[in-house]
Amino acid sequence: MAKRFAEFNTRFCVSCGACMNVCPKGAIEILRGLHAVVDKKICVGCGTCARTCPAGVIEVKTDEA
């Protein structure tokens, strides 16, 4: 079964923390104040973070594992 997860374009992430605050699983953190990172093992790919991101740098992808 395919696993869905959020993926960030870290180059354009503004580190605002909006995604981290709305993630229902707590799978997102801001790495040293530089950009957001997602723990793919915890992320369920719900897309809440992508809808919340003011910079539009989050995309929900599918891993065909």
N, C-alpha and C. Protein backbone atom coordinates (compact mmCIF):
# COMPACT_ATOMS: atom_id res chain seq x y z
N MET A 1 0.83 -1.18 0.00
CA MET A 1 0.00 0.00 0.00
C MET A 1 0.89 1.25 0.00
N ALA A 2 0.50 2.24 -0.77
CA ALA A 2 1.28 3.47 -0.89
C ALA A 2 1.18 4.31 0.37
N LYS A 3 2.28 4.92 0.75
CA LYS A 3 2.35 5.78 1.93
C LYS A 3 2.36 7.22 1.46
N ARG A 4 1.48 8.04 2.04
CA ARG A 4 1.45 9.46 1.73
C ARG A 4 2.22 10.22 2.81
N PHE A 5 2.89 11.30 2.40
CA PHE A 5 3.67 12.10 3.33
C PHE A 5 3.85 13.50 2.76
N ALA A 6 4.13 14.44 3.64
CA ALA A 6 4.39 15.82 3.23
C ALA A 6 5.86 15.98 2.88
N GLU A 7 6.12 16.77 1.85
CA GLU A 7 7.49 17.07 1.47
C GLU A 7 7.62 18.59 1.34
N PHE A 8 8.70 19.12 1.87
CA PHE A 8 8.92 20.56 1.91
C PHE A 8 9.97 20.99 0.92
N ASN A 9 9.75 22.14 0.29
CA ASN A 9 10.80 22.77 -0.50
C ASN A 9 11.55 23.65 0.49
N THR A 10 12.59 23.11 1.08
CA THR A 10 13.30 23.79 2.17
C THR A 10 13.97 25.09 1.71
N ARG A 11 14.22 25.20 0.44
CA ARG A 11 14.86 26.42 -0.08
C ARG A 11 13.98 27.65 0.13
N PHE A 12 12.67 27.47 0.06
CA PHE A 12 11.75 28.60 0.16
C PHE A 12 10.95 28.63 1.46
N CYS A 13 11.20 27.69 2.35
CA CYS A 13 10.52 27.66 3.65
C CYS A 13 10.93 28.88 4.46
N VAL A 14 9.95 29.56 5.08
CA VAL A 14 10.24 30.77 5.86
C VAL A 14 10.29 30.48 7.36
N SER A 15 10.21 29.23 7.76
CA SER A 15 10.33 28.80 9.16
C SER A 15 9.32 29.47 10.08
N CYS A 16 8.12 29.68 9.61
CA CYS A 16 7.11 30.37 10.43
C CYS A 16 6.49 29.46 11.49
N GLY A 17 6.53 28.15 11.27
CA GLY A 17 6.00 27.20 12.23
C GLY A 17 4.52 26.91 12.10
N ALA A 18 3.85 27.51 11.12
CA ALA A 18 2.42 27.28 10.94
C ALA A 18 2.11 25.80 10.71
N CYS A 19 2.91 25.13 9.91
CA CYS A 19 2.70 23.71 9.61
C CYS A 19 2.88 22.87 10.87
N MET A 20 3.89 23.19 11.64
CA MET A 20 4.18 22.47 12.87
C MET A 20 3.02 22.59 13.86
N ASN A 21 2.43 23.77 13.92
CA ASN A 21 1.34 24.02 14.86
C ASN A 21 0.04 23.30 14.51
N VAL A 22 -0.18 22.98 13.22
CA VAL A 22 -1.43 22.33 12.82
C VAL A 22 -1.30 20.84 12.57
N CYS A 23 -0.09 20.31 12.56
CA CYS A 23 0.09 18.88 12.29
C CYS A 23 -0.56 18.04 13.39
N PRO A 24 -1.56 17.22 13.05
CA PRO A 24 -2.25 16.43 14.06
C PRO A 24 -1.40 15.31 14.66
N LYS A 25 -0.32 14.94 14.00
CA LYS A 25 0.54 13.85 14.47
C LYS A 25 1.84 14.35 15.09
N GLY A 26 2.11 15.65 15.02
CA GLY A 26 3.36 16.18 15.56
C GLY A 26 4.57 15.72 14.77
N ALA A 27 4.40 15.55 13.46
CA ALA A 27 5.47 15.01 12.62
C ALA A 27 6.40 16.07 12.05
N ILE A 28 6.13 17.35 12.34
CA ILE A 28 6.91 18.44 11.74
C ILE A 28 7.64 19.22 12.83
N GLU A 29 8.87 19.59 12.53
CA GLU A 29 9.61 20.47 13.43
C GLU A 29 10.43 21.45 12.59
N ILE A 30 10.79 22.57 13.20
CA ILE A 30 11.64 23.55 12.54
C ILE A 30 13.08 23.22 12.91
N LEU A 31 13.89 22.97 11.90
CA LEU A 31 15.27 22.55 12.09
C LEU A 31 16.18 23.77 12.28
N ARG A 32 16.68 23.96 13.48
CA ARG A 32 17.61 25.04 13.83
C ARG A 32 17.17 26.41 13.32
N GLY A 33 15.86 26.63 13.25
CA GLY A 33 15.34 27.92 12.80
C GLY A 33 15.51 28.19 11.32
N LEU A 34 15.90 27.16 10.57
CA LEU A 34 16.18 27.34 9.14
C LEU A 34 15.01 26.96 8.24
N HIS A 35 14.44 25.77 8.49
CA HIS A 35 13.34 25.30 7.66
C HIS A 35 12.65 24.14 8.37
N ALA A 36 11.46 23.83 7.90
CA ALA A 36 10.69 22.74 8.48
C ALA A 36 11.15 21.40 7.91
N VAL A 37 11.07 20.37 8.74
CA VAL A 37 11.35 19.01 8.29
C VAL A 37 10.21 18.11 8.80
N VAL A 38 9.93 17.07 8.05
CA VAL A 38 8.86 16.15 8.42
C VAL A 38 9.44 14.77 8.69
N ASP A 39 8.93 14.11 9.72
CA ASP A 39 9.30 12.73 10.01
C ASP A 39 8.34 11.85 9.21
N LYS A 40 8.83 11.28 8.12
CA LYS A 40 7.98 10.50 7.21
C LYS A 40 7.39 9.26 7.88
N LYS A 41 8.01 8.79 8.95
CA LYS A 41 7.48 7.62 9.65
C LYS A 41 6.22 7.97 10.43
N ILE A 42 6.10 9.22 10.85
CA ILE A 42 4.94 9.66 11.64
C ILE A 42 3.87 10.29 10.75
N CYS A 43 4.28 11.01 9.71
CA CYS A 43 3.36 11.74 8.84
C CYS A 43 2.36 10.79 8.18
N VAL A 44 1.09 11.19 8.16
CA VAL A 44 0.03 10.39 7.53
C VAL A 44 -0.42 10.98 6.20
N GLY A 45 0.17 12.09 5.79
CA GLY A 45 -0.15 12.69 4.49
C GLY A 45 -1.53 13.30 4.41
N CYS A 46 -2.01 13.86 5.51
CA CYS A 46 -3.37 14.41 5.54
C CYS A 46 -3.48 15.72 4.76
N GLY A 47 -2.38 16.45 4.59
CA GLY A 47 -2.38 17.69 3.82
C GLY A 47 -2.73 18.94 4.60
N THR A 48 -2.97 18.81 5.90
CA THR A 48 -3.30 19.98 6.72
C THR A 48 -2.18 21.01 6.67
N CYS A 49 -0.96 20.57 6.74
CA CYS A 49 0.19 21.48 6.70
C CYS A 49 0.27 22.21 5.36
N ALA A 50 0.04 21.48 4.26
CA ALA A 50 0.11 22.08 2.93
C ALA A 50 -0.96 23.16 2.76
N ARG A 51 -2.13 22.93 3.30
CA ARG A 51 -3.21 23.93 3.20
C ARG A 51 -2.93 25.14 4.08
N THR A 52 -2.14 24.97 5.12
CA THR A 52 -1.86 26.04 6.07
C THR A 52 -0.64 26.88 5.69
N CYS A 53 0.29 26.32 4.99
CA CYS A 53 1.57 26.97 4.68
C CYS A 53 1.37 28.28 3.91
N PRO A 54 1.77 29.42 4.51
CA PRO A 54 1.61 30.70 3.82
C PRO A 54 2.56 30.87 2.64
N ALA A 55 3.66 30.14 2.63
CA ALA A 55 4.63 30.23 1.54
C ALA A 55 4.33 29.24 0.42
N GLY A 56 3.43 28.29 0.66
CA GLY A 56 3.06 27.30 -0.36
C GLY A 56 4.19 26.37 -0.75
N VAL A 57 5.01 25.97 0.22
CA VAL A 57 6.19 25.15 -0.09
C VAL A 57 6.03 23.68 0.29
N ILE A 58 4.81 23.27 0.64
CA ILE A 58 4.59 21.89 1.06
C ILE A 58 3.72 21.18 0.04
N GLU A 59 4.13 19.97 -0.30
CA GLU A 59 3.39 19.14 -1.25
C GLU A 59 3.22 17.76 -0.64
N VAL A 60 2.02 17.19 -0.75
CA VAL A 60 1.79 15.84 -0.27
C VAL A 60 2.11 14.89 -1.40
N LYS A 61 3.00 13.95 -1.12
CA LYS A 61 3.45 12.99 -2.12
C LYS A 61 3.12 11.57 -1.69
N THR A 62 3.26 10.64 -2.62
CA THR A 62 3.01 9.24 -2.36
C THR A 62 4.28 8.45 -2.61
N ASP A 63 4.62 7.61 -1.65
CA ASP A 63 5.79 6.74 -1.77
C ASP A 63 5.28 5.36 -2.11
N GLU A 64 5.67 4.86 -3.27
CA GLU A 64 5.23 3.54 -3.71
C GLU A 64 6.13 2.45 -3.15
N ALA A 65 6.10 2.30 -1.83
CA ALA A 65 6.99 1.31 -1.19
C ALA A 65 6.30 -0.02 -1.00
